[in-house]
Amino acid sequence: MRAALGRVAHGLRWLRWYLRELTDESAYDRYVAHIRGEHPAATVPSRRAFERMRTQRQESDPRQGFRCC
């Protein structure tokens, strides 16, 4: 019983990871890890500021991201 619950929990963690990667929800987490690792003295922007920067970058160069409209 315990082993089965462990497999279910593992499967749910994998599914959560997969969906976050698929929807690019984890982009902010990767960005923060990059900033803290490569530029430790830099200020880490809020998630809202990060999303604003990312949207502006995508709108200025459509090749960097998918735009439907």
N, C-alpha and C. Protein backbone atom coordinates (compact mmCIF):
# COMPACT_ATOMS: atom_id res chain seq x y z
N MET A 1 0.82 -1.19 0.00
CA MET A 1 0.00 0.00 0.00
C MET A 1 0.87 1.26 0.00
N ARG A 2 1.88 1.24 0.86
CA ARG A 2 2.75 2.42 0.97
C ARG A 2 3.54 2.64 -0.32
N ALA A 3 3.99 1.55 -0.94
CA ALA A 3 4.74 1.65 -2.19
C ALA A 3 3.85 2.21 -3.30
N ALA A 4 2.59 1.80 -3.32
CA ALA A 4 1.66 2.29 -4.33
C ALA A 4 1.43 3.79 -4.16
N LEU A 5 1.28 4.23 -2.93
CA LEU A 5 1.10 5.66 -2.66
C LEU A 5 2.34 6.45 -3.06
N GLY A 6 3.51 5.86 -2.86
CA GLY A 6 4.76 6.50 -3.26
C GLY A 6 4.83 6.66 -4.77
N ARG A 7 4.38 5.64 -5.50
CA ARG A 7 4.38 5.73 -6.96
C ARG A 7 3.38 6.77 -7.45
N VAL A 8 2.23 6.84 -6.81
CA VAL A 8 1.22 7.83 -7.18
C VAL A 8 1.76 9.23 -6.92
N ALA A 9 2.38 9.44 -5.76
CA ALA A 9 2.95 10.74 -5.44
C ALA A 9 4.04 11.12 -6.43
N HIS A 10 4.88 10.16 -6.79
CA HIS A 10 5.93 10.40 -7.77
C HIS A 10 5.32 10.77 -9.12
N GLY A 11 4.29 10.07 -9.52
CA GLY A 11 3.61 10.37 -10.78
C GLY A 11 2.99 11.75 -10.80
N LEU A 12 2.41 12.15 -9.68
CA LEU A 12 1.81 13.49 -9.59
C LEU A 12 2.87 14.58 -9.63
N ARG A 13 4.01 14.34 -8.96
CA ARG A 13 5.10 15.33 -9.02
C ARG A 13 5.63 15.46 -10.44
N TRP A 14 5.77 14.32 -11.14
CA TRP A 14 6.23 14.34 -12.52
C TRP A 14 5.23 15.09 -13.40
N LEU A 15 3.94 14.84 -13.21
CA LEU A 15 2.91 15.50 -14.00
C LEU A 15 2.92 17.00 -13.76
N ARG A 16 3.08 17.42 -12.52
CA ARG A 16 3.17 18.85 -12.20
C ARG A 16 4.38 19.47 -12.90
N TRP A 17 5.54 18.80 -12.82
CA TRP A 17 6.74 19.30 -13.49
C TRP A 17 6.49 19.42 -15.00
N TYR A 18 5.93 18.38 -15.59
CA TYR A 18 5.70 18.35 -17.03
C TYR A 18 4.78 19.49 -17.47
N LEU A 19 3.69 19.68 -16.74
CA LEU A 19 2.76 20.75 -17.11
C LEU A 19 3.39 22.13 -16.94
N ARG A 20 4.19 22.33 -15.90
CA ARG A 20 4.88 23.62 -15.71
C ARG A 20 5.86 23.88 -16.85
N GLU A 21 6.55 22.84 -17.30
CA GLU A 21 7.48 23.00 -18.42
C GLU A 21 6.73 23.23 -19.72
N LEU A 22 5.66 22.51 -19.93
CA LEU A 22 4.87 22.63 -21.15
C LEU A 22 4.27 24.02 -21.31
N THR A 23 3.79 24.59 -20.22
CA THR A 23 3.16 25.91 -20.26
C THR A 23 4.15 27.05 -20.01
N ASP A 24 5.41 26.72 -19.79
CA ASP A 24 6.48 27.68 -19.50
C ASP A 24 6.26 28.43 -18.19
N GLU A 25 5.50 27.82 -17.30
CA GLU A 25 5.27 28.39 -15.97
C GLU A 25 6.56 28.45 -15.17
N SER A 26 7.51 27.56 -15.48
CA SER A 26 8.76 27.50 -14.72
C SER A 26 9.81 28.49 -15.23
N ALA A 27 9.48 29.30 -16.22
CA ALA A 27 10.46 30.24 -16.79
C ALA A 27 10.98 31.21 -15.74
N TYR A 28 10.10 31.69 -14.87
CA TYR A 28 10.52 32.64 -13.84
C TYR A 28 11.49 31.97 -12.86
N ASP A 29 11.20 30.74 -12.48
CA ASP A 29 12.08 30.02 -11.56
C ASP A 29 13.48 29.85 -12.17
N ARG A 30 13.54 29.50 -13.46
CA ARG A 30 14.83 29.37 -14.14
C ARG A 30 15.55 30.71 -14.21
N TYR A 31 14.80 31.78 -14.47
CA TYR A 31 15.39 33.12 -14.55
C TYR A 31 15.98 33.52 -13.20
N VAL A 32 15.24 33.30 -12.13
CA VAL A 32 15.74 33.65 -10.79
C VAL A 32 16.99 32.85 -10.47
N ALA A 33 17.01 31.57 -10.79
CA ALA A 33 18.20 30.74 -10.53
C ALA A 33 19.38 31.26 -11.33
N HIS A 34 19.15 31.67 -12.57
CA HIS A 34 20.22 32.23 -13.40
C HIS A 34 20.76 33.52 -12.80
N ILE A 35 19.89 34.42 -12.43
CA ILE A 35 20.31 35.72 -11.86
C ILE A 35 21.11 35.49 -10.58
N ARG A 36 20.60 34.64 -9.71
CA ARG A 36 21.30 34.40 -8.43
C ARG A 36 22.63 33.69 -8.62
N GLY A 37 22.72 32.85 -9.64
CA GLY A 37 23.97 32.13 -9.89
C GLY A 37 25.01 32.93 -10.64
N GLU A 38 24.57 33.66 -11.67
CA GLU A 38 25.49 34.38 -12.54
C GLU A 38 25.72 35.83 -12.13
N HIS A 39 24.75 36.44 -11.49
CA HIS A 39 24.83 37.85 -11.12
C HIS A 39 24.33 38.03 -9.68
N PRO A 40 25.06 37.53 -8.70
CA PRO A 40 24.56 37.53 -7.31
C PRO A 40 24.28 38.92 -6.75
N ALA A 41 24.93 39.95 -7.26
CA ALA A 41 24.71 41.30 -6.74
C ALA A 41 23.49 41.97 -7.37
N ALA A 42 22.96 41.38 -8.42
CA ALA A 42 21.82 41.98 -9.13
C ALA A 42 20.53 41.78 -8.33
N THR A 43 19.62 42.73 -8.50
CA THR A 43 18.31 42.64 -7.88
C THR A 43 17.42 41.74 -8.73
N VAL A 44 16.75 40.82 -8.09
CA VAL A 44 15.85 39.92 -8.79
C VAL A 44 14.50 40.61 -8.95
N PRO A 45 14.02 40.75 -10.18
CA PRO A 45 12.73 41.41 -10.37
C PRO A 45 11.58 40.53 -9.86
N SER A 46 10.47 41.18 -9.58
CA SER A 46 9.28 40.43 -9.16
C SER A 46 8.79 39.60 -10.34
N ARG A 47 7.93 38.65 -10.05
CA ARG A 47 7.38 37.82 -11.12
C ARG A 47 6.61 38.69 -12.11
N ARG A 48 5.89 39.67 -11.60
CA ARG A 48 5.12 40.57 -12.47
C ARG A 48 6.05 41.36 -13.40
N ALA A 49 7.14 41.88 -12.85
CA ALA A 49 8.10 42.62 -13.68
C ALA A 49 8.75 41.69 -14.71
N PHE A 50 9.05 40.47 -14.31
CA PHE A 50 9.62 39.49 -15.24
C PHE A 50 8.67 39.22 -16.39
N GLU A 51 7.40 39.00 -16.08
CA GLU A 51 6.42 38.72 -17.13
C GLU A 51 6.26 39.92 -18.06
N ARG A 52 6.32 41.13 -17.51
CA ARG A 52 6.26 42.34 -18.33
C ARG A 52 7.45 42.41 -19.28
N MET A 53 8.65 42.15 -18.75
CA MET A 53 9.86 42.17 -19.59
C MET A 53 9.77 41.12 -20.69
N ARG A 54 9.31 39.95 -20.33
CA ARG A 54 9.22 38.86 -21.30
C ARG A 54 8.21 39.18 -22.40
N THR A 55 7.09 39.75 -22.02
CA THR A 55 6.07 40.12 -23.00
C THR A 55 6.58 41.21 -23.93
N GLN A 56 7.26 42.21 -23.37
CA GLN A 56 7.81 43.28 -24.20
C GLN A 56 8.84 42.73 -25.18
N ARG A 57 9.68 41.82 -24.71
CA ARG A 57 10.70 41.22 -25.58
C ARG A 57 10.04 40.42 -26.70
N GLN A 58 9.00 39.67 -26.39
CA GLN A 58 8.30 38.88 -27.39
C GLN A 58 7.60 39.78 -28.41
N GLU A 59 7.03 40.89 -27.95
CA GLU A 59 6.33 41.78 -28.86
C GLU A 59 7.29 42.54 -29.76
N SER A 60 8.48 42.81 -29.26
CA SER A 60 9.45 43.54 -30.07
C SER A 60 10.10 42.63 -31.12
N ASP A 61 10.17 41.33 -30.84
CA ASP A 61 10.74 40.37 -31.77
C ASP A 61 9.90 39.10 -31.76
N PRO A 62 8.92 38.99 -32.67
CA PRO A 62 8.02 37.83 -32.65
C PRO A 62 8.72 36.49 -32.80
N ARG A 63 9.94 36.46 -33.30
CA ARG A 63 10.67 35.18 -33.43
C ARG A 63 11.04 34.59 -32.08
N GLN A 64 11.03 35.41 -31.01
CA GLN A 64 11.41 34.91 -29.69
C GLN A 64 10.28 34.20 -28.96
N GLY A 65 9.08 34.35 -29.40
CA GLY A 65 7.97 33.69 -28.73
C GLY A 65 6.76 33.62 -29.61
N PHE A 66 5.84 32.77 -29.27
CA PHE A 66 4.63 32.57 -30.06
C PHE A 66 3.63 33.68 -29.76
N ARG A 67 3.17 34.31 -30.81
CA ARG A 67 2.11 35.32 -30.68
C ARG A 67 0.96 34.90 -31.58
N CYS A 68 -0.19 34.75 -31.04
CA CYS A 68 -1.33 34.31 -31.85
C CYS A 68 -2.02 35.48 -32.54
N CYS A 69 -1.88 36.67 -32.00
CA CYS A 69 -2.62 37.82 -32.55
C CYS A 69 -1.67 38.99 -32.84
